[in-house]
Amino acid sequence: MQDRFEGRAPSFDAPALDAFTITPSDVTDFPELIRAIYAGGPGQITLKTPSGTNVTFEGISAGTILPVRARAVLATGTTAVSLVGIV
């Protein structure tokens, strides 16, 4: 299959390279840093930043793409559903 972006350095304004379903966990980090989170349902998202700081984003609407790097989404404090990690 042809890939018009092959050989180009990825950037934050380029299309995502991959995505995966997020299962919030208080003990397990993602296998790699993500660059954004899609929230399919409303609520709040508590995540761990690349530096290890926990932060909660409140008032997330369904269909939101939260453009923030994260190493994990925590179960404690996360009420938004149908989360997808964008890489």
N, C-alpha and C. Protein backbone atom coordinates (compact mmCIF):
# COMPACT_ATOMS: atom_id res chain seq x y z
N MET A 1 0.84 -1.17 0.00
CA MET A 1 0.00 0.00 0.00
C MET A 1 0.89 1.24 0.00
N GLN A 2 0.55 2.21 -0.79
CA GLN A 2 1.31 3.45 -0.86
C GLN A 2 1.09 4.28 0.40
N ASP A 3 2.17 4.89 0.90
CA ASP A 3 2.11 5.78 2.07
C ASP A 3 2.78 7.09 1.70
N ARG A 4 1.98 8.11 1.43
CA ARG A 4 2.53 9.40 0.98
C ARG A 4 3.35 10.10 2.07
N PHE A 5 3.18 9.67 3.33
CA PHE A 5 3.90 10.31 4.43
C PHE A 5 5.14 9.53 4.86
N GLU A 6 5.41 8.40 4.21
CA GLU A 6 6.59 7.61 4.56
C GLU A 6 7.85 8.44 4.38
N GLY A 7 8.73 8.36 5.35
CA GLY A 7 9.98 9.10 5.27
C GLY A 7 9.90 10.52 5.80
N ARG A 8 8.71 10.98 6.15
CA ARG A 8 8.57 12.33 6.71
C ARG A 8 8.53 12.24 8.23
N ALA A 9 9.14 13.21 8.86
CA ALA A 9 9.13 13.24 10.32
C ALA A 9 7.73 13.56 10.82
N PRO A 10 7.22 12.81 11.81
CA PRO A 10 5.88 13.11 12.34
C PRO A 10 5.88 14.45 13.07
N SER A 11 4.78 15.17 12.96
CA SER A 11 4.63 16.44 13.66
C SER A 11 3.23 16.50 14.25
N PHE A 12 3.02 17.45 15.16
CA PHE A 12 1.73 17.52 15.84
C PHE A 12 0.60 18.02 14.94
N ASP A 13 0.92 18.63 13.82
CA ASP A 13 -0.14 19.07 12.92
C ASP A 13 -0.37 18.09 11.77
N ALA A 14 0.34 16.95 11.80
CA ALA A 14 0.16 15.91 10.80
C ALA A 14 -0.87 14.90 11.29
N PRO A 15 -1.41 14.09 10.39
CA PRO A 15 -2.35 13.05 10.83
C PRO A 15 -1.71 12.10 11.83
N ALA A 16 -2.52 11.55 12.71
CA ALA A 16 -2.03 10.59 13.70
C ALA A 16 -1.49 9.35 13.00
N LEU A 17 -0.53 8.70 13.65
CA LEU A 17 0.04 7.47 13.11
C LEU A 17 -0.73 6.24 13.56
N ASP A 18 -1.35 6.30 14.73
CA ASP A 18 -2.04 5.14 15.28
C ASP A 18 -2.99 5.59 16.38
N ALA A 19 -3.84 4.68 16.83
CA ALA A 19 -4.78 4.95 17.91
C ALA A 19 -5.12 3.64 18.59
N PHE A 20 -5.55 3.73 19.85
CA PHE A 20 -5.94 2.53 20.59
C PHE A 20 -6.97 2.89 21.65
N THR A 21 -7.78 1.91 22.02
CA THR A 21 -8.77 2.09 23.07
C THR A 21 -8.06 2.21 24.41
N ILE A 22 -8.46 3.20 25.20
CA ILE A 22 -7.87 3.40 26.52
C ILE A 22 -8.75 2.75 27.57
N THR A 23 -8.14 1.92 28.40
CA THR A 23 -8.77 1.40 29.60
C THR A 23 -8.09 2.09 30.77
N PRO A 24 -8.77 3.05 31.43
CA PRO A 24 -8.13 3.76 32.53
C PRO A 24 -7.61 2.79 33.60
N SER A 25 -6.41 3.09 34.13
CA SER A 25 -5.78 2.24 35.13
C SER A 25 -4.94 3.11 36.06
N ASP A 26 -4.99 2.80 37.35
CA ASP A 26 -4.17 3.52 38.32
C ASP A 26 -2.77 2.94 38.44
N VAL A 27 -2.50 1.80 37.78
CA VAL A 27 -1.20 1.15 37.94
C VAL A 27 -0.43 0.93 36.64
N THR A 28 -1.11 0.98 35.50
CA THR A 28 -0.45 0.67 34.23
C THR A 28 -0.35 1.89 33.33
N ASP A 29 0.89 2.19 32.90
CA ASP A 29 1.11 3.25 31.92
C ASP A 29 0.93 2.70 30.51
N PHE A 30 0.75 3.61 29.54
CA PHE A 30 0.67 3.21 28.14
C PHE A 30 2.04 2.68 27.70
N PRO A 31 2.09 1.88 26.64
CA PRO A 31 3.38 1.41 26.14
C PRO A 31 4.21 2.53 25.50
N GLU A 32 3.56 3.62 25.10
CA GLU A 32 4.25 4.80 24.58
C GLU A 32 3.43 6.04 24.90
N LEU A 33 4.07 7.20 24.89
CA LEU A 33 3.36 8.45 25.14
C LEU A 33 2.35 8.70 24.03
N ILE A 34 1.18 9.19 24.41
CA ILE A 34 0.19 9.57 23.40
C ILE A 34 0.24 11.08 23.20
N ARG A 35 -0.32 11.53 22.09
CA ARG A 35 -0.29 12.97 21.82
C ARG A 35 -1.65 13.62 21.95
N ALA A 36 -2.70 12.82 22.12
CA ALA A 36 -4.05 13.36 22.31
C ALA A 36 -4.97 12.25 22.80
N ILE A 37 -6.11 12.66 23.36
CA ILE A 37 -7.12 11.72 23.82
C ILE A 37 -8.46 12.13 23.22
N TYR A 38 -9.16 11.17 22.63
CA TYR A 38 -10.52 11.38 22.16
C TYR A 38 -11.46 10.86 23.23
N ALA A 39 -12.45 11.67 23.62
CA ALA A 39 -13.46 11.27 24.59
C ALA A 39 -14.79 11.09 23.86
N GLY A 40 -15.27 9.86 23.79
CA GLY A 40 -16.53 9.58 23.13
C GLY A 40 -17.73 9.94 23.97
N GLY A 41 -17.55 9.99 25.29
CA GLY A 41 -18.63 10.35 26.20
C GLY A 41 -18.16 11.42 27.18
N PRO A 42 -19.09 12.20 27.73
CA PRO A 42 -18.73 13.33 28.58
C PRO A 42 -18.23 12.91 29.96
N GLY A 43 -17.56 13.85 30.62
CA GLY A 43 -17.10 13.62 31.99
C GLY A 43 -15.79 14.32 32.24
N GLN A 44 -14.98 13.72 33.08
CA GLN A 44 -13.65 14.27 33.35
C GLN A 44 -12.60 13.20 33.10
N ILE A 45 -11.39 13.66 32.81
CA ILE A 45 -10.27 12.77 32.54
C ILE A 45 -9.12 13.14 33.47
N THR A 46 -8.66 12.17 34.24
CA THR A 46 -7.48 12.36 35.06
C THR A 46 -6.35 11.58 34.40
N LEU A 47 -5.28 12.29 34.08
CA LEU A 47 -4.17 11.68 33.37
C LEU A 47 -2.86 11.94 34.07
N LYS A 48 -1.85 11.17 33.67
CA LYS A 48 -0.49 11.35 34.15
C LYS A 48 0.31 11.95 33.00
N THR A 49 0.92 13.11 33.25
CA THR A 49 1.71 13.78 32.22
C THR A 49 3.03 13.05 32.00
N PRO A 50 3.77 13.38 30.94
CA PRO A 50 5.06 12.74 30.72
C PRO A 50 6.03 12.88 31.90
N SER A 51 5.90 13.98 32.65
CA SER A 51 6.78 14.18 33.81
C SER A 51 6.29 13.46 35.05
N GLY A 52 5.09 12.84 35.00
CA GLY A 52 4.59 12.08 36.13
C GLY A 52 3.59 12.82 37.01
N THR A 53 3.20 14.02 36.62
CA THR A 53 2.22 14.79 37.37
C THR A 53 0.81 14.35 37.00
N ASN A 54 -0.05 14.18 38.00
CA ASN A 54 -1.45 13.86 37.74
C ASN A 54 -2.25 15.15 37.62
N VAL A 55 -3.12 15.22 36.62
CA VAL A 55 -3.94 16.40 36.39
C VAL A 55 -5.31 15.96 35.91
N THR A 56 -6.35 16.69 36.36
CA THR A 56 -7.72 16.37 35.97
C THR A 56 -8.28 17.45 35.07
N PHE A 57 -8.83 17.04 33.93
CA PHE A 57 -9.53 17.94 33.02
C PHE A 57 -11.02 17.71 33.22
N GLU A 58 -11.73 18.73 33.69
CA GLU A 58 -13.15 18.62 33.98
C GLU A 58 -13.98 19.23 32.85
N GLY A 59 -15.24 18.80 32.77
CA GLY A 59 -16.16 19.38 31.80
C GLY A 59 -15.90 18.98 30.37
N ILE A 60 -15.32 17.79 30.16
CA ILE A 60 -15.05 17.30 28.81
C ILE A 60 -16.38 16.92 28.15
N SER A 61 -16.64 17.40 26.97
CA SER A 61 -17.86 17.07 26.22
C SER A 61 -17.62 15.85 25.35
N ALA A 62 -18.69 15.13 25.04
CA ALA A 62 -18.60 14.00 24.12
C ALA A 62 -18.07 14.49 22.78
N GLY A 63 -17.15 13.74 22.19
CA GLY A 63 -16.59 14.09 20.90
C GLY A 63 -15.37 15.00 20.98
N THR A 64 -14.88 15.27 22.18
CA THR A 64 -13.73 16.15 22.36
C THR A 64 -12.42 15.42 22.06
N ILE A 65 -11.52 16.11 21.38
CA ILE A 65 -10.14 15.65 21.27
C ILE A 65 -9.31 16.58 22.15
N LEU A 66 -8.73 15.99 23.19
CA LEU A 66 -7.93 16.74 24.16
C LEU A 66 -6.47 16.64 23.73
N PRO A 67 -5.90 17.75 23.22
CA PRO A 67 -4.54 17.70 22.67
C PRO A 67 -3.48 17.82 23.77
N VAL A 68 -3.27 16.71 24.48
CA VAL A 68 -2.32 16.72 25.59
C VAL A 68 -1.53 15.41 25.58
N ARG A 69 -0.21 15.51 25.77
CA ARG A 69 0.63 14.31 25.87
C ARG A 69 0.35 13.65 27.21
N ALA A 70 0.33 12.34 27.24
CA ALA A 70 0.06 11.63 28.49
C ALA A 70 0.74 10.27 28.47
N ARG A 71 1.10 9.81 29.66
CA ARG A 71 1.67 8.47 29.80
C ARG A 71 0.67 7.47 30.35
N ALA A 72 -0.48 7.99 30.90
CA ALA A 72 -1.53 7.12 31.43
C ALA A 72 -2.80 7.93 31.64
N VAL A 73 -3.94 7.24 31.61
CA VAL A 73 -5.22 7.80 32.06
C VAL A 73 -5.60 6.99 33.28
N LEU A 74 -5.81 7.69 34.38
CA LEU A 74 -6.08 7.03 35.66
C LEU A 74 -7.55 6.66 35.80
N ALA A 75 -7.81 5.52 36.43
CA ALA A 75 -9.19 5.11 36.70
C ALA A 75 -9.81 6.03 37.76
N THR A 76 -9.02 6.35 38.78
CA THR A 76 -9.50 7.25 39.82
C THR A 76 -9.60 8.66 39.26
N GLY A 77 -10.80 9.21 39.26
CA GLY A 77 -11.00 10.56 38.78
C GLY A 77 -11.43 10.67 37.33
N THR A 78 -11.45 9.55 36.60
CA THR A 78 -11.88 9.59 35.21
C THR A 78 -13.31 9.07 35.11
N THR A 79 -14.19 9.94 34.58
CA THR A 79 -15.59 9.54 34.39
C THR A 79 -15.99 9.55 32.92
N ALA A 80 -15.21 10.19 32.07
CA ALA A 80 -15.48 10.18 30.63
C ALA A 80 -15.33 8.76 30.11
N VAL A 81 -16.09 8.42 29.07
CA VAL A 81 -16.07 7.05 28.56
C VAL A 81 -15.70 7.02 27.07
N SER A 82 -15.49 5.82 26.58
CA SER A 82 -15.13 5.58 25.19
C SER A 82 -13.89 6.40 24.81
N LEU A 83 -12.84 6.24 25.59
CA LEU A 83 -11.60 6.99 25.39
C LEU A 83 -10.70 6.29 24.38
N VAL A 84 -10.05 7.08 23.53
CA VAL A 84 -9.12 6.58 22.53
C VAL A 84 -7.83 7.37 22.63
N GLY A 85 -6.71 6.66 22.72
CA GLY A 85 -5.40 7.30 22.70
C GLY A 85 -4.95 7.51 21.28
N ILE A 86 -4.49 8.70 20.96
CA ILE A 86 -4.03 9.04 19.62
C ILE A 86 -2.52 9.20 19.66
N VAL A 87 -1.84 8.45 18.79
CA VAL A 87 -0.38 8.43 18.78
C VAL A 87 0.12 9.14 17.53
